[in-house]
Amino acid sequence: MPTFRNSPVDVVIDVRSKVEYWLGHLPGAHCVPVDTLPDGLDGVAGVSKSASLLVYCASGGRSAMAAQMLRLAGYTNVVDGGGIAAATAEFDA
C-alpha cells in the first residue's frame, strides 16, 4: 500500500488536466481533473467516503480546492499533497 508522510493511502488522485497527467504522475495515480470532482471519482474503483485519498496538482492551488470540494461532498479522509514536486518527495509507492 502506498504511503504519504508515512500514512497509508488508499487512492491517489491527480487533479491536473489529462495532458499534465500524461507528462508524468505519481505511481498508481488516477487522473480526475479538479473540474470533474466529486462526480469524477465514480469511475475510480475503491473510492468510498471513508477511503484515504491523496490529492495533488502542479503547484498546490488545485489540490487545495479539490480537497475542500471532496470534504464538502462527504469524503472524510482527504489529504492535500500540494504540488507534484512536494508530493513526490513525501510519497512512497
N, C-alpha and C. Protein backbone atom coordinates (compact mmCIF):
# COMPACT_ATOMS: atom_id res chain seq x y z
N MET A 1 0.84 -1.18 0.00
CA MET A 1 0.00 0.00 0.00
C MET A 1 0.89 1.24 0.00
N PRO A 2 0.57 2.21 -0.86
CA PRO A 2 1.37 3.45 -0.87
C PRO A 2 1.18 4.25 0.41
N THR A 3 2.17 5.07 0.70
CA THR A 3 2.09 5.94 1.88
C THR A 3 2.45 7.37 1.48
N PHE A 4 1.93 8.31 2.25
CA PHE A 4 2.27 9.72 2.11
C PHE A 4 2.52 10.24 3.51
N ARG A 5 3.71 10.78 3.71
CA ARG A 5 4.12 11.23 5.05
C ARG A 5 3.96 10.10 6.07
N ASN A 6 4.33 8.90 5.63
CA ASN A 6 4.29 7.68 6.45
C ASN A 6 2.90 7.22 6.86
N SER A 7 1.86 7.73 6.23
CA SER A 7 0.49 7.28 6.49
C SER A 7 -0.03 6.56 5.26
N PRO A 8 -0.77 5.46 5.44
CA PRO A 8 -1.29 4.72 4.29
C PRO A 8 -2.27 5.53 3.45
N VAL A 9 -2.22 5.30 2.15
CA VAL A 9 -3.11 5.97 1.20
C VAL A 9 -3.84 4.89 0.39
N ASP A 10 -5.17 4.98 0.36
CA ASP A 10 -5.96 4.03 -0.42
C ASP A 10 -5.98 4.40 -1.90
N VAL A 11 -6.17 5.68 -2.20
CA VAL A 11 -6.32 6.13 -3.58
C VAL A 11 -5.56 7.44 -3.78
N VAL A 12 -4.78 7.50 -4.86
CA VAL A 12 -4.04 8.71 -5.21
C VAL A 12 -4.74 9.36 -6.40
N ILE A 13 -5.09 10.64 -6.25
CA ILE A 13 -5.83 11.38 -7.27
C ILE A 13 -5.01 12.56 -7.75
N ASP A 14 -4.72 12.56 -9.04
CA ASP A 14 -4.05 13.67 -9.71
C ASP A 14 -5.15 14.55 -10.28
N VAL A 15 -5.29 15.78 -9.77
CA VAL A 15 -6.39 16.65 -10.18
C VAL A 15 -5.99 17.62 -11.30
N ARG A 16 -4.84 17.38 -11.92
CA ARG A 16 -4.42 18.20 -13.06
C ARG A 16 -5.16 17.77 -14.32
N SER A 17 -4.89 18.43 -15.41
CA SER A 17 -5.50 18.06 -16.69
C SER A 17 -4.93 16.74 -17.18
N LYS A 18 -5.61 16.14 -18.16
CA LYS A 18 -5.13 14.87 -18.72
C LYS A 18 -3.76 15.04 -19.37
N VAL A 19 -3.53 16.16 -20.02
CA VAL A 19 -2.23 16.40 -20.65
C VAL A 19 -1.13 16.45 -19.58
N GLU A 20 -1.37 17.18 -18.50
CA GLU A 20 -0.39 17.25 -17.42
C GLU A 20 -0.12 15.86 -16.84
N TYR A 21 -1.19 15.09 -16.66
CA TYR A 21 -1.07 13.73 -16.14
C TYR A 21 -0.20 12.88 -17.06
N TRP A 22 -0.45 12.95 -18.36
CA TRP A 22 0.32 12.17 -19.34
C TRP A 22 1.81 12.52 -19.33
N LEU A 23 2.11 13.74 -18.95
CA LEU A 23 3.51 14.16 -18.91
C LEU A 23 4.27 13.61 -17.71
N GLY A 24 3.56 13.03 -16.77
CA GLY A 24 4.17 12.44 -15.59
C GLY A 24 3.27 12.54 -14.39
N HIS A 25 3.23 11.48 -13.58
CA HIS A 25 2.36 11.45 -12.41
C HIS A 25 2.92 10.48 -11.37
N LEU A 26 2.38 10.53 -10.17
CA LEU A 26 2.79 9.60 -9.12
C LEU A 26 2.36 8.19 -9.50
N PRO A 27 3.14 7.18 -9.11
CA PRO A 27 2.78 5.80 -9.41
C PRO A 27 1.39 5.44 -8.87
N GLY A 28 0.58 4.86 -9.72
CA GLY A 28 -0.75 4.42 -9.32
C GLY A 28 -1.81 5.51 -9.25
N ALA A 29 -1.43 6.74 -9.60
CA ALA A 29 -2.40 7.85 -9.52
C ALA A 29 -3.46 7.74 -10.60
N HIS A 30 -4.66 8.18 -10.24
CA HIS A 30 -5.78 8.28 -11.18
C HIS A 30 -5.94 9.73 -11.58
N CYS A 31 -6.17 9.98 -12.86
CA CYS A 31 -6.38 11.34 -13.34
C CYS A 31 -7.86 11.68 -13.21
N VAL A 32 -8.17 12.60 -12.31
CA VAL A 32 -9.53 13.10 -12.13
C VAL A 32 -9.41 14.62 -12.04
N PRO A 33 -9.48 15.31 -13.18
CA PRO A 33 -9.31 16.77 -13.16
C PRO A 33 -10.26 17.44 -12.17
N VAL A 34 -9.75 18.49 -11.53
CA VAL A 34 -10.49 19.16 -10.47
C VAL A 34 -11.87 19.61 -10.92
N ASP A 35 -12.03 19.99 -12.19
CA ASP A 35 -13.33 20.46 -12.65
C ASP A 35 -14.35 19.33 -12.83
N THR A 36 -13.94 18.08 -12.61
CA THR A 36 -14.88 16.95 -12.69
C THR A 36 -15.26 16.40 -11.31
N LEU A 37 -14.68 16.98 -10.26
CA LEU A 37 -14.95 16.48 -8.90
C LEU A 37 -16.27 17.00 -8.37
N PRO A 38 -16.94 16.26 -7.48
CA PRO A 38 -16.59 14.93 -6.99
C PRO A 38 -17.10 13.79 -7.89
N ASP A 39 -17.93 14.11 -8.87
CA ASP A 39 -18.52 13.07 -9.72
C ASP A 39 -17.47 12.26 -10.47
N GLY A 40 -16.32 12.83 -10.76
CA GLY A 40 -15.28 12.14 -11.49
C GLY A 40 -14.73 10.93 -10.76
N LEU A 41 -14.94 10.88 -9.44
CA LEU A 41 -14.47 9.73 -8.67
C LEU A 41 -15.31 8.49 -8.89
N ASP A 42 -16.49 8.64 -9.49
CA ASP A 42 -17.37 7.48 -9.71
C ASP A 42 -16.69 6.39 -10.53
N GLY A 43 -15.79 6.76 -11.42
CA GLY A 43 -15.13 5.78 -12.28
C GLY A 43 -13.87 5.18 -11.68
N VAL A 44 -13.52 5.56 -10.44
CA VAL A 44 -12.32 5.06 -9.80
C VAL A 44 -12.71 4.00 -8.78
N ALA A 45 -12.22 2.79 -8.99
CA ALA A 45 -12.55 1.69 -8.07
C ALA A 45 -11.94 1.93 -6.69
N GLY A 46 -12.66 1.53 -5.67
CA GLY A 46 -12.14 1.59 -4.31
C GLY A 46 -12.31 2.91 -3.60
N VAL A 47 -13.04 3.83 -4.20
CA VAL A 47 -13.22 5.14 -3.56
C VAL A 47 -14.53 5.15 -2.78
N SER A 48 -14.40 5.08 -1.48
CA SER A 48 -15.57 5.22 -0.62
C SER A 48 -15.43 6.54 0.13
N LYS A 49 -16.46 6.95 0.78
CA LYS A 49 -16.42 8.22 1.51
C LYS A 49 -15.39 8.20 2.65
N SER A 50 -15.03 6.98 3.10
CA SER A 50 -14.07 6.88 4.19
C SER A 50 -12.66 6.49 3.73
N ALA A 51 -12.47 6.29 2.43
CA ALA A 51 -11.15 5.92 1.91
C ALA A 51 -10.14 7.04 2.13
N SER A 52 -8.89 6.68 2.34
CA SER A 52 -7.83 7.65 2.48
C SER A 52 -7.43 8.12 1.08
N LEU A 53 -7.72 9.40 0.78
CA LEU A 53 -7.46 9.97 -0.54
C LEU A 53 -6.32 10.98 -0.47
N LEU A 54 -5.36 10.84 -1.36
CA LEU A 54 -4.30 11.82 -1.53
C LEU A 54 -4.57 12.55 -2.82
N VAL A 55 -4.71 13.87 -2.77
CA VAL A 55 -4.91 14.67 -3.98
C VAL A 55 -3.69 15.57 -4.16
N TYR A 56 -3.28 15.75 -5.42
CA TYR A 56 -2.17 16.65 -5.73
C TYR A 56 -2.38 17.25 -7.11
N CYS A 57 -1.64 18.33 -7.38
CA CYS A 57 -1.74 19.01 -8.67
C CYS A 57 -0.35 19.47 -9.08
N ALA A 58 -0.25 20.56 -9.80
CA ALA A 58 1.05 21.05 -10.26
C ALA A 58 1.76 21.87 -9.18
N SER A 59 1.04 22.78 -8.54
CA SER A 59 1.69 23.67 -7.57
C SER A 59 0.99 23.77 -6.22
N GLY A 60 -0.20 23.22 -6.10
CA GLY A 60 -0.90 23.22 -4.82
C GLY A 60 -2.24 23.93 -4.79
N GLY A 61 -2.51 24.80 -5.75
CA GLY A 61 -3.77 25.53 -5.76
C GLY A 61 -4.97 24.65 -6.05
N ARG A 62 -4.87 23.87 -7.10
CA ARG A 62 -5.99 22.99 -7.46
C ARG A 62 -6.18 21.87 -6.45
N SER A 63 -5.09 21.39 -5.86
CA SER A 63 -5.25 20.31 -4.87
C SER A 63 -5.96 20.82 -3.62
N ALA A 64 -5.68 22.05 -3.22
CA ALA A 64 -6.38 22.64 -2.07
C ALA A 64 -7.87 22.78 -2.36
N MET A 65 -8.18 23.24 -3.57
CA MET A 65 -9.58 23.37 -3.96
C MET A 65 -10.25 21.99 -4.02
N ALA A 66 -9.55 21.01 -4.59
CA ALA A 66 -10.09 19.65 -4.71
C ALA A 66 -10.33 19.04 -3.33
N ALA A 67 -9.39 19.20 -2.42
CA ALA A 67 -9.55 18.65 -1.08
C ALA A 67 -10.78 19.25 -0.40
N GLN A 68 -10.96 20.55 -0.53
CA GLN A 68 -12.13 21.20 0.07
C GLN A 68 -13.42 20.70 -0.56
N MET A 69 -13.44 20.57 -1.88
CA MET A 69 -14.63 20.08 -2.59
C MET A 69 -14.99 18.66 -2.12
N LEU A 70 -13.99 17.82 -1.98
CA LEU A 70 -14.23 16.44 -1.57
C LEU A 70 -14.72 16.37 -0.13
N ARG A 71 -14.15 17.18 0.73
CA ARG A 71 -14.63 17.20 2.14
C ARG A 71 -16.09 17.66 2.19
N LEU A 72 -16.43 18.67 1.42
CA LEU A 72 -17.81 19.15 1.39
C LEU A 72 -18.76 18.10 0.81
N ALA A 73 -18.23 17.21 -0.04
CA ALA A 73 -19.03 16.14 -0.63
C ALA A 73 -19.13 14.93 0.29
N GLY A 74 -18.50 15.00 1.46
CA GLY A 74 -18.64 13.93 2.45
C GLY A 74 -17.47 12.96 2.56
N TYR A 75 -16.39 13.21 1.83
CA TYR A 75 -15.20 12.36 1.97
C TYR A 75 -14.49 12.79 3.25
N THR A 76 -14.21 11.82 4.11
CA THR A 76 -13.75 12.14 5.47
C THR A 76 -12.25 12.02 5.68
N ASN A 77 -11.53 11.47 4.72
CA ASN A 77 -10.10 11.25 4.92
C ASN A 77 -9.32 11.72 3.69
N VAL A 78 -9.32 13.03 3.46
CA VAL A 78 -8.68 13.62 2.29
C VAL A 78 -7.41 14.34 2.73
N VAL A 79 -6.31 14.03 2.05
CA VAL A 79 -5.03 14.68 2.33
C VAL A 79 -4.63 15.49 1.10
N ASP A 80 -4.34 16.75 1.31
CA ASP A 80 -3.87 17.64 0.24
C ASP A 80 -2.36 17.50 0.14
N GLY A 81 -1.90 16.87 -0.93
CA GLY A 81 -0.46 16.67 -1.12
C GLY A 81 0.24 17.86 -1.73
N GLY A 82 -0.51 18.88 -2.14
CA GLY A 82 0.09 20.06 -2.74
C GLY A 82 0.52 19.80 -4.17
N GLY A 83 1.62 20.39 -4.55
CA GLY A 83 2.15 20.24 -5.91
C GLY A 83 2.86 18.91 -6.10
N ILE A 84 3.04 18.53 -7.35
CA ILE A 84 3.62 17.22 -7.65
C ILE A 84 5.04 17.08 -7.10
N ALA A 85 5.83 18.14 -7.12
CA ALA A 85 7.21 18.04 -6.62
C ALA A 85 7.20 17.73 -5.12
N ALA A 86 6.39 18.45 -4.37
CA ALA A 86 6.30 18.22 -2.92
C ALA A 86 5.69 16.84 -2.64
N ALA A 87 4.66 16.48 -3.38
CA ALA A 87 4.02 15.19 -3.17
C ALA A 87 4.98 14.04 -3.46
N THR A 88 5.76 14.18 -4.52
CA THR A 88 6.72 13.14 -4.90
C THR A 88 7.74 12.92 -3.79
N ALA A 89 8.18 14.00 -3.16
CA ALA A 89 9.20 13.92 -2.11
C ALA A 89 8.71 13.15 -0.89
N GLU A 90 7.40 13.15 -0.64
CA GLU A 90 6.86 12.52 0.57
C GLU A 90 6.02 11.29 0.28
N PHE A 91 6.02 10.83 -0.97
CA PHE A 91 5.21 9.68 -1.39
C PHE A 91 6.10 8.46 -1.53
N ASP A 92 5.60 7.33 -1.05
CA ASP A 92 6.32 6.07 -1.20
C ASP A 92 5.35 5.03 -1.74
N ALA A 93 5.63 4.60 -2.97
CA ALA A 93 4.76 3.59 -3.59
C ALA A 93 5.16 2.24 -3.06
